[in-house]
C-alpha atoms as a PDB file:
ATOM      1  CA  MET A   1      56.100-208.060 244.766  1.00  0.00           C
ATOM      2  CA  ALA A   2      52.606-209.274 245.664  1.00  0.00           C
ATOM      3  CA  ARG A   3      51.735-212.786 244.620  1.00  0.00           C
ATOM      4  CA  ALA A   4      48.806-213.357 242.336  1.00  0.00           C
ATOM      5  CA  GLY A   5      46.283-216.070 243.130  1.00  0.00           C
ATOM      6  CA  ARG A   6      46.927-219.683 242.151  1.00  0.00           C
ATOM      7  CA  THR A   7      45.310-220.876 238.948  1.00  0.00           C
ATOM      8  CA  GLY A   8      44.895-224.557 239.731  1.00  0.00           C
ATOM      9  CA  GLY A   9      47.073-225.597 236.817  1.00  0.00           C
ATOM     10  CA  ARG A  10      45.100-223.714 234.169  1.00  0.00           C
ATOM     11  CA  ARG A  11      46.279-220.776 232.133  1.00  0.00           C
ATOM     12  CA  ARG A  12      44.385-217.641 233.067  1.00  0.00           C
ATOM     13  CA  ASP A  13      41.937-216.720 230.307  1.00  0.00           C
ATOM     14  CA  SER A  14      42.470-212.994 230.895  1.00  0.00           C
ATOM     15  CA  SER A  15      46.209-213.169 230.203  1.00  0.00           C
ATOM     16  CA  SER A  16      47.740-213.215 226.753  1.00  0.00           C
ATOM     17  CA  PRO A  17      50.954-215.226 226.324  1.00  0.00           C
ATOM     18  CA  ARG A  18      52.889-211.962 225.997  1.00  0.00           C
ATOM     19  CA  ALA A  19      51.393-210.530 229.196  1.00  0.00           C
ATOM     20  CA  GLU A  20      52.052-213.787 231.043  1.00  0.00           C
ATOM     21  CA  ALA A  21      55.666-213.802 229.860  1.00  0.00           C
ATOM     22  CA  ASP A  22      56.112-210.221 231.080  1.00  0.00           C
ATOM     23  CA  HIS A  23      54.577-211.209 234.415  1.00  0.00           C
ATOM     24  CA  ILE A  24      57.096-214.044 234.815  1.00  0.00           C
ATOM     25  CA  ILE A  25      60.003-211.776 233.852  1.00  0.00           C
ATOM     26  CA  ASP A  26      58.912-209.148 236.382  1.00  0.00           C
ATOM     27  CA  ALA A  27      58.613-211.793 239.104  1.00  0.00           C
ATOM     28  CA  ALA A  28      62.107-213.097 238.321  1.00  0.00           C
ATOM     29  CA  LEU A  29      63.653-209.611 238.350  1.00  0.00           C
ATOM     30  CA  ALA A  30      62.036-208.821 241.687  1.00  0.00           C
ATOM     31  CA  LEU A  31      63.391-212.043 243.181  1.00  0.00           C
ATOM     32  CA  ILE A  32      66.879-211.444 241.782  1.00  0.00           C
ATOM     33  CA  GLN A  33      67.015-208.211 243.808  1.00  0.00           C
ATOM     34  CA  THR A  34      66.301-209.994 247.087  1.00  0.00           C
ATOM     35  CA  GLU A  35      67.379-213.619 246.574  1.00  0.00           C
ATOM     36  CA  GLY A  36      70.216-213.293 244.062  1.00  0.00           C
ATOM     37  CA  TRP A  37      70.635-215.163 240.788  1.00  0.00           C
ATOM     38  CA  ARG A  38      72.673-218.294 241.440  1.00  0.00           C
ATOM     39  CA  GLY A  39      70.348-219.820 244.014  1.00  0.00           C
ATOM     40  CA  LEU A  40      67.139-218.740 242.330  1.00  0.00           C
ATOM     41  CA  SER A  41      64.897-221.603 241.251  1.00  0.00           C
ATOM     42  CA  LEU A  42      62.203-221.756 238.603  1.00  0.00           C
ATOM     43  CA  GLY A  43      59.848-223.000 241.315  1.00  0.00           C
ATOM     44  CA  ALA A  44      60.410-219.824 243.321  1.00  0.00           C
ATOM     45  CA  ILE A  45      59.789-217.717 240.218  1.00  0.00           C
ATOM     46  CA  ALA A  46      56.559-219.594 239.515  1.00  0.00           C
ATOM     47  CA  ALA A  47      55.414-219.079 243.107  1.00  0.00           C
ATOM     48  CA  ALA A  48      56.215-215.354 242.992  1.00  0.00           C
ATOM     49  CA  ALA A  49      54.317-215.048 239.705  1.00  0.00           C
ATOM     50  CA  GLY A  50      51.355-216.953 241.158  1.00  0.00           C
ATOM     51  CA  LEU A  51      51.508-219.530 238.357  1.00  0.00           C
ATOM     52  CA  PRO A  52      51.824-223.306 238.224  1.00  0.00           C
ATOM     53  CA  ILE A  53      55.375-224.250 237.379  1.00  0.00           C
ATOM     54  CA  LEU A  54      54.158-225.961 234.187  1.00  0.00           C
ATOM     55  CA  ASP A  55      52.894-222.603 232.895  1.00  0.00           C
ATOM     56  CA  VAL A  56      56.329-221.109 233.481  1.00  0.00           C
ATOM     57  CA  TYR A  57      57.999-224.074 231.786  1.00  0.00           C
ATOM     58  CA  ARG A  58      55.819-223.693 228.691  1.00  0.00           C
ATOM     59  CA  ILE A  59      57.087-220.137 228.200  1.00  0.00           C
ATOM     60  CA  PHE A  60      60.562-220.210 229.761  1.00  0.00           C
ATOM     61  CA  PRO A  61      62.164-223.664 230.122  1.00  0.00           C
ATOM     62  CA  SER A  62      65.231-222.257 231.923  1.00  0.00           C
ATOM     63  CA  LYS A  63      66.391-219.264 233.936  1.00  0.00           C
ATOM     64  CA  GLN A  64      68.562-218.245 231.008  1.00  0.00           C
ATOM     65  CA  SER A  65      65.514-218.124 228.753  1.00  0.00           C
ATOM     66  CA  ILE A  66      63.904-215.665 231.190  1.00  0.00           C
ATOM     67  CA  LEU A  67      66.922-213.392 230.792  1.00  0.00           C
ATOM     68  CA  SER A  68      66.591-213.812 227.040  1.00  0.00           C
ATOM     69  CA  GLY A  69      62.956-212.735 227.315  1.00  0.00           C
ATOM     70  CA  PHE A  70      63.998-209.684 229.317  1.00  0.00           C
ATOM     71  CA  TYR A  71      66.586-208.704 226.706  1.00  0.00           C
ATOM     72  CA  ARG A  72      63.988-209.141 223.983  1.00  0.00           C
ATOM     73  CA  ARG A  73      61.682-206.823 225.917  1.00  0.00           C
ATOM     74  CA  LEU A  74      64.392-204.170 226.036  1.00  0.00           C
ATOM     75  CA  ASP A  75      65.056-204.672 222.320  1.00  0.00           C
ATOM     76  CA  GLN A  76      61.399-204.136 221.504  1.00  0.00           C
ATOM     77  CA  ILE A  77      61.346-200.886 223.476  1.00  0.00           C
ATOM     78  CA  VAL A  78      64.451-199.647 221.684  1.00  0.00           C
ATOM     79  CA  LEU A  79      63.274-200.659 218.220  1.00  0.00           C
ATOM     80  CA  ALA A  80      59.668-199.451 218.524  1.00  0.00           C
ATOM     81  CA  ASP A  81      59.119-196.445 216.239  1.00  0.00           C
ATOM     82  CA  PRO A  82      62.746-195.285 215.975  1.00  0.00           C
ATOM     83  CA  PRO A  83      62.877-191.643 214.869  1.00  0.00           C
ATOM     84  CA  PRO A  84      63.692-191.204 211.178  1.00  0.00           C
ATOM     85  CA  ALA A  85      67.191-190.045 210.375  1.00  0.00           C
ATOM     86  CA  GLU A  86      67.506-186.342 209.649  1.00  0.00           C
ATOM     87  CA  ALA A  87      69.402-185.104 206.613  1.00  0.00           C
ATOM     88  CA  ASP A  88      72.389-183.782 208.571  1.00  0.00           C
ATOM     89  CA  GLU A  89      72.313-186.362 211.368  1.00  0.00           C
ATOM     90  CA  ARG A  90      75.436-188.413 211.949  1.00  0.00           C
ATOM     91  CA  PRO A  91      75.147-192.188 212.417  1.00  0.00           C
ATOM     92  CA  ARG A  92      76.770-191.773 215.845  1.00  0.00           C
ATOM     93  CA  ASP A  93      73.875-189.544 216.938  1.00  0.00           C
ATOM     94  CA  ARG A  94      71.301-192.173 215.964  1.00  0.00           C
ATOM     95  CA  VAL A  95      73.205-194.863 217.846  1.00  0.00           C
ATOM     96  CA  PHE A  96      73.455-192.575 220.881  1.00  0.00           C
ATOM     97  CA  ASP A  97      69.690-191.976 220.915  1.00  0.00           C
ATOM     98  CA  LEU A  98      68.907-195.691 220.652  1.00  0.00           C
ATOM     99  CA  LEU A  99      71.367-196.709 223.384  1.00  0.00           C
ATOM    100  CA  MET A 100      70.034-194.037 225.737  1.00  0.00           C
ATOM    101  CA  ARG A 101      66.536-195.320 225.047  1.00  0.00           C
ATOM    102  CA  ARG A 102      67.771-198.736 226.163  1.00  0.00           C
ATOM    103  CA  LEU A 103      69.322-197.373 229.350  1.00  0.00           C
ATOM    104  CA  ASP A 104      66.128-195.459 230.127  1.00  0.00           C
ATOM    105  CA  ALA A 105      64.175-198.724 229.768  1.00  0.00           C
ATOM    106  CA  LEU A 106      66.665-200.504 232.025  1.00  0.00           C
ATOM    107  CA  GLN A 107      66.520-197.837 234.737  1.00  0.00           C
ATOM    108  CA  PRO A 108      63.690-199.432 236.816  1.00  0.00           C
ATOM    109  CA  TYR A 109      65.660-202.681 236.939  1.00  0.00           C
ATOM    110  CA  LYS A 110      68.987-201.253 238.078  1.00  0.00           C
ATOM    111  CA  PRO A 111      68.973-203.163 241.428  1.00  0.00           C
ATOM    112  CA  ALA A 112      68.451-206.487 239.637  1.00  0.00           C
ATOM    113  CA  TYR A 113      71.125-205.582 237.099  1.00  0.00           C
ATOM    114  CA  ASP A 114      73.591-204.837 239.910  1.00  0.00           C
ATOM    115  CA  VAL A 115      73.006-208.323 241.340  1.00  0.00           C
ATOM    116  CA  LEU A 116      73.493-209.951 237.932  1.00  0.00           C
ATOM    117  CA  ARG A 117      76.679-207.951 237.354  1.00  0.00           C
ATOM    118  CA  ARG A 118      78.135-209.307 240.612  1.00  0.00           C
ATOM    119  CA  GLU A 119      76.979-212.916 240.292  1.00  0.00           C
ATOM    120  CA  LEU A 120      77.209-213.800 236.604  1.00  0.00           C
ATOM    121  CA  PRO A 121      81.034-213.969 236.561  1.00  0.00           C
ATOM    122  CA  ARG A 122      80.607-217.018 238.831  1.00  0.00           C
ATOM    123  CA  ASP A 123      78.096-218.537 236.380  1.00  0.00           C
ATOM    124  CA  PRO A 124      80.090-218.726 233.134  1.00  0.00           C
ATOM    125  CA  LEU A 125      77.412-220.471 231.059  1.00  0.00           C
ATOM    126  CA  THR A 126      74.866-217.770 231.817  1.00  0.00           C
ATOM    127  CA  ALA A 127      77.505-215.084 231.329  1.00  0.00           C
ATOM    128  CA  LEU A 128      78.207-216.440 227.831  1.00  0.00           C
ATOM    129  CA  CYS A 129      74.480-216.513 227.115  1.00  0.00           C
ATOM    130  CA  VAL A 130      74.091-212.881 228.213  1.00  0.00           C
ATOM    131  CA  ALA A 131      77.115-211.836 226.146  1.00  0.00           C
ATOM    132  CA  GLY A 132      75.485-213.338 223.069  1.00  0.00           C
ATOM    133  CA  LEU A 133      72.196-211.619 223.833  1.00  0.00           C
ATOM    134  CA  LEU A 134      73.944-208.267 224.183  1.00  0.00           C
ATOM    135  CA  LEU A 135      75.752-208.661 220.870  1.00  0.00           C
ATOM    136  CA  ARG A 136      72.418-209.476 219.219  1.00  0.00           C
ATOM    137  CA  SER A 137      70.878-206.373 220.780  1.00  0.00           C
ATOM    138  CA  MET A 138      73.727-204.145 219.610  1.00  0.00           C
ATOM    139  CA  ARG A 139      73.421-205.560 216.094  1.00  0.00           C
ATOM    140  CA  TRP A 140      69.762-204.543 216.036  1.00  0.00           C
ATOM    141  CA  VAL A 141      70.645-201.089 217.372  1.00  0.00           C
ATOM    142  CA  LEU A 142      73.006-200.564 214.461  1.00  0.00           C
ATOM    143  CA  GLU A 143      70.471-201.891 211.977  1.00  0.00           C
ATOM    144  CA  ALA A 144      67.853-199.504 213.378  1.00  0.00           C
ATOM    145  CA  ALA A 145      70.389-196.697 212.922  1.00  0.00           C
ATOM    146  CA  GLU A 146      70.812-197.808 209.287  1.00  0.00           C
ATOM    147  CA  ILE A 147      74.392-198.932 209.860  1.00  0.00           C
ATOM    148  CA  PRO A 148      75.349-202.191 208.094  1.00  0.00           C
ATOM    149  CA  THR A 149      76.285-205.102 210.350  1.00  0.00           C
ATOM    150  CA  SER A 150      77.310-207.695 207.772  1.00  0.00           C
ATOM    151  CA  GLY A 151      80.833-208.740 206.909  1.00  0.00           C
ATOM    152  CA  ALA A 152      84.042-208.059 208.796  1.00  0.00           C
ATOM    153  CA  ARG A 153      83.406-204.322 209.052  1.00  0.00           C
ATOM    154  CA  GLY A 154      79.916-204.877 210.426  1.00  0.00           C
ATOM    155  CA  THR A 155      81.179-207.364 213.002  1.00  0.00           C
ATOM    156  CA  ILE A 156      83.770-204.862 214.217  1.00  0.00           C
ATOM    157  CA  SER A 157      81.091-202.132 214.369  1.00  0.00           C
ATOM    158  CA  VAL A 158      78.896-204.367 216.546  1.00  0.00           C
ATOM    159  CA  LYS A 159      81.751-205.186 218.920  1.00  0.00           C
ATOM    160  CA  LEU A 160      82.878-201.574 219.224  1.00  0.00           C
ATOM    161  CA  THR A 161      79.322-200.421 219.882  1.00  0.00           C
ATOM    162  CA  THR A 162      78.970-203.119 222.528  1.00  0.00           C
ATOM    163  CA  ALA A 163      82.181-201.950 224.212  1.00  0.00           C
ATOM    164  CA  ALA A 164      80.969-198.331 224.147  1.00  0.00           C
ATOM    165  CA  TYR A 165      77.657-199.370 225.695  1.00  0.00           C
ATOM    166  CA  LEU A 166      79.302-201.417 228.456  1.00  0.00           C
ATOM    167  CA  SER A 167      81.672-198.542 229.237  1.00  0.00           C
ATOM    168  CA  ALA A 168      78.717-196.165 229.568  1.00  0.00           C
ATOM    169  CA  MET A 169      76.890-198.700 231.740  1.00  0.00           C
ATOM    170  CA  ARG A 170      79.669-198.567 234.318  1.00  0.00           C
ATOM    171  CA  VAL A 171      78.935-194.852 234.671  1.00  0.00           C
ATOM    172  CA  TRP A 172      75.168-195.471 234.584  1.00  0.00           C
ATOM    173  CA  GLN A 173      75.438-197.814 237.580  1.00  0.00           C
ATOM    174  CA  ARG A 174      76.595-194.870 239.733  1.00  0.00           C
ATOM    175  CA  ASP A 175      74.546-192.147 237.999  1.00  0.00           C
ATOM    176  CA  ASP A 176      71.583-191.175 240.178  1.00  0.00           C
ATOM    177  CA  SER A 177      70.802-187.916 238.376  1.00  0.00           C
ATOM    178  CA  PRO A 178      67.280-187.649 236.917  1.00  0.00           C
ATOM    179  CA  ASP A 179      68.565-186.819 233.423  1.00  0.00           C
ATOM    180  CA  LEU A 180      71.487-189.296 233.453  1.00  0.00           C
ATOM    181  CA  ALA A 181      73.789-186.464 232.385  1.00  0.00           C
ATOM    182  CA  ARG A 182      76.994-188.260 233.347  1.00  0.00           C
ATOM    183  CA  THR A 183      75.898-191.381 231.499  1.00  0.00           C
ATOM    184  CA  MET A 184      75.080-189.400 228.374  1.00  0.00           C
ATOM    185  CA  ALA A 185      78.456-187.666 228.466  1.00  0.00           C
ATOM    186  CA  ALA A 186      80.292-190.970 228.873  1.00  0.00           C
ATOM    187  CA  LEU A 187      78.361-192.641 226.062  1.00  0.00           C
ATOM    188  CA  ASP A 188      78.862-189.704 223.723  1.00  0.00           C
ATOM    189  CA  ALA A 189      82.605-189.636 224.410  1.00  0.00           C
ATOM    190  CA  ARG A 190      82.985-193.373 223.803  1.00  0.00           C
ATOM    191  CA  LEU A 191      80.959-193.302 220.574  1.00  0.00           C
ATOM    192  CA  ARG A 192      83.091-190.437 219.275  1.00  0.00           C
ATOM    193  CA  ARG A 193      86.132-192.710 219.553  1.00  0.00           C
ATOM    194  CA  VAL A 194      84.574-195.334 217.285  1.00  0.00           C
ATOM    195  CA  GLU A 195      82.656-192.981 215.006  1.00  0.00           C
ATOM    196  CA  GLY A 196      84.735-193.968 211.994  1.00  0.00           C
ATOM    197  CA  TRP A 197      83.230-197.447 212.163  1.00  0.00           C
ATOM    198  CA  LEU A 198      79.644-196.193 212.429  1.00  0.00           C
ATOM    199  CA  GLY A 199      79.436-194.556 209.029  1.00  0.00           C
ATOM    200  CA  PRO A 200      79.130-195.978 205.536  1.00  0.00           C
ATOM    201  CA  THR A 201      81.913-198.141 204.168  1.00  0.00           C
ATOM    202  CA  PRO A 202      84.555-195.809 202.699  1.00  0.00           C
ATOM    203  CA  ARG A 203      84.803-195.865 198.928  1.00  0.00           C
ATOM    204  CA  PRO A 204      88.265-196.805 197.628  1.00  0.00           C
ATOM    205  CA  ARG A 205      90.241-194.193 195.791  1.00  0.00           C
ATOM    206  CA  THR A 206      91.105-194.784 192.158  1.00  0.00           C
ATOM    207  CA  GLY A 207      93.535-197.659 191.813  1.00  0.00           C
ATOM    208  CA  GLU A 208      92.861-199.041 195.302  1.00  0.00           C
ATOM    209  CA  ALA A 209      91.217-202.362 196.011  1.00  0.00           C
ATOM    210  CA  PRO A 210      87.799-202.103 197.695  1.00  0.00           C
ATOM    211  CA  ILE A 211      87.566-202.723 201.417  1.00  0.00           C
ATOM    212  CA  PRO A 212      85.983-206.166 201.903  1.00  0.00           C
ATOM    213  CA  ALA A 213      82.524-206.128 203.475  1.00  0.00           C
END
């Protein structure tokens, strides 16, 4: 990735904070592909972004916060203008569409993701951070699909959706087809297994205690 010119310690007037954050994230992802994650420094990211390190610090005070910014970017893509639910559409179908939108957005960054997948198990603190970010993302996916995420049932729904997504990602890593057909089939099959948790809370029959939320 080509380096932009140095700014002499000043924030570039032509860049909004959001654009500058995206620029830093892109620089970090490009470096992860070639340099790996564990040895990557914030100084190297600043140099690749063509920014003083103080500018990077003001937006992302740690490498983990850059990953958090990347996850937030993916979330915003997924959540932007979600299609309205159709009358006969099943909740599973809405979740499927949103998760495939996320995988489509992640497609250009597959090489960086492959590096993170290999290296994060040796960086447990970052791995825990990423796990929390993914759970947050899956919670928002379910909310966008109009599936409740509160209470015990909602927590289980989030975890099952996360497991379905991670299972599909293992197929996605090896899926080089333009339409990601194998990935779609794997995701659909996994969501079918947990479909009972992706619908409304069942109403108790007469004489039965309600299922706690």
